[in-house]
Amino acid sequence: MTIHIEALCFDVIIGLLDFERVTPQRVIIDIEASYDYRDRDFINYANIVSLVEDELKTQKYELIEDALLGLKSIIYKEYPTLQKLYIKIIKPDILTQCRVGLSNSWEF
């Protein structure tokens, strides 16, 4: 099974620039989490959303790279039965002419 969380949107402190350290900005997050579903042993997508929001709001990462690794760590710690995990973080408002972001995927 693969859980899809698409276009999770909220405001956080993330970035290196001076104004990014004081003014929350919108991020858009996509997540895919694959696992082997057996005997009603499921992954709670609402819990993943809460984990992601809590992590990004409390850690206030400077780099999206570090935010991706932090999210990977907390999601996999909570759900060690994951087989694959994909996370994308977009900062849609940092540049006027485009949306920028990073993604990564892991196999466990």
Protein backbone atom coordinates (compact mmCIF):
# COMPACT_ATOMS: atom_id res chain seq x y z
CA MET A 1 0.00 0.00 0.00
CA THR A 2 1.07 3.58 -0.56
CA ILE A 3 -0.27 6.54 1.38
CA HIS A 4 -0.42 9.79 -0.59
CA ILE A 5 -0.47 13.10 1.23
CA GLU A 6 -0.64 15.86 -1.34
CA ALA A 7 -0.44 19.63 -1.04
CA LEU A 8 -0.21 19.79 2.75
CA CYS A 9 0.06 23.53 3.24
CA PHE A 10 0.94 25.61 6.31
CA ASP A 11 3.22 28.46 7.42
CA VAL A 12 6.61 27.88 9.09
CA ILE A 13 9.95 29.53 9.73
CA ILE A 14 12.29 27.96 7.19
CA GLY A 15 15.23 29.45 5.33
CA LEU A 16 18.57 31.23 5.67
CA LEU A 17 17.70 34.79 4.76
CA ASP A 18 17.13 37.29 7.57
CA PHE A 19 13.46 37.83 6.79
CA GLU A 20 12.90 34.05 6.55
CA ARG A 21 14.10 33.65 10.16
CA VAL A 22 11.38 35.97 11.53
CA THR A 23 8.45 35.78 9.11
CA PRO A 24 6.66 32.45 8.63
CA GLN A 25 6.25 31.46 5.00
CA ARG A 26 4.02 28.99 3.28
CA VAL A 27 5.30 25.53 2.45
CA ILE A 28 3.57 22.82 0.43
CA ILE A 29 4.47 19.23 1.23
CA ASP A 30 3.84 16.00 -0.67
CA ILE A 31 4.51 12.62 0.92
CA GLU A 32 4.28 9.05 -0.33
CA ALA A 33 4.78 6.27 2.19
CA SER A 34 4.73 2.61 1.11
CA TYR A 35 4.28 -0.32 3.46
CA ASP A 36 3.09 -3.89 3.55
CA TYR A 37 -0.49 -3.89 4.86
CA ARG A 38 -1.27 -7.01 6.91
CA ASP A 39 -3.78 -7.88 9.59
CA ARG A 40 -5.12 -4.35 9.97
CA ASP A 41 -1.61 -3.07 10.74
CA PHE A 42 -2.00 0.27 8.97
CA ILE A 43 -0.27 3.63 8.92
CA ASN A 44 -2.35 6.54 10.13
CA TYR A 45 -2.08 9.32 7.54
CA ALA A 46 -3.55 11.90 9.93
CA ASN A 47 -0.75 11.11 12.37
CA ILE A 48 1.85 11.62 9.64
CA VAL A 49 0.34 15.05 8.91
CA SER A 50 0.57 15.96 12.61
CA LEU A 51 4.16 14.71 12.84
CA VAL A 52 5.17 16.81 9.82
CA GLU A 53 3.45 19.98 11.03
CA ASP A 54 4.84 19.65 14.56
CA GLU A 55 8.39 18.97 13.35
CA LEU A 56 8.57 21.88 10.96
CA LYS A 57 6.86 24.35 13.29
CA THR A 58 9.11 23.54 16.25
CA GLN A 59 12.49 23.01 14.56
CA LYS A 60 12.52 26.12 12.34
CA TYR A 61 15.02 24.65 9.88
CA GLU A 62 17.39 26.88 7.94
CA LEU A 63 17.83 24.46 5.03
CA ILE A 64 15.16 22.48 3.22
CA GLU A 65 17.71 19.66 2.98
CA ASP A 66 17.83 19.41 6.79
CA ALA A 67 14.04 19.65 6.99
CA LEU A 68 13.71 16.68 4.60
CA LEU A 69 16.10 14.60 6.71
CA GLY A 70 14.33 15.60 9.92
CA LEU A 71 10.96 14.58 8.50
CA LYS A 72 12.36 11.29 7.24
CA SER A 73 13.76 10.56 10.69
CA ILE A 74 10.59 11.22 12.67
CA ILE A 75 8.27 9.45 10.20
CA TYR A 76 10.46 6.35 10.00
CA LYS A 77 10.92 6.30 13.79
CA GLU A 78 7.14 6.31 14.21
CA TYR A 79 6.55 3.78 11.39
CA PRO A 80 9.56 1.44 11.12
CA THR A 81 7.58 -0.91 8.85
CA LEU A 82 7.83 1.60 6.00
CA GLN A 83 9.37 0.23 2.84
CA LYS A 84 9.67 3.48 0.88
CA LEU A 85 9.26 7.14 1.72
CA TYR A 86 9.15 10.16 -0.60
CA ILE A 87 8.94 13.73 0.66
CA LYS A 88 8.82 16.99 -1.31
CA ILE A 89 8.91 20.45 0.27
CA ILE A 90 7.99 23.44 -1.89
CA LYS A 91 8.40 27.10 -0.94
CA PRO A 92 5.88 28.64 -3.38
CA ASP A 93 6.29 32.29 -2.43
CA ILE A 94 10.05 32.81 -2.05
CA LEU A 95 10.58 33.72 -5.74
CA THR A 96 7.94 35.60 -7.69
CA GLN A 97 8.55 33.87 -11.02
CA CYS A 98 8.42 30.25 -9.82
CA ARG A 99 7.93 27.74 -7.03
CA VAL A 100 11.11 26.18 -5.64
CA GLY A 101 11.71 23.18 -3.44
CA LEU A 102 13.47 19.91 -2.88
CA SER A 103 12.53 16.26 -2.67
CA ASN A 104 14.10 12.97 -1.77
CA SER A 105 13.10 9.33 -1.52
CA TRP A 106 14.37 6.51 0.63
CA GLU A 107 14.04 2.74 0.62
CA PHE A 108 14.21 0.87 3.91
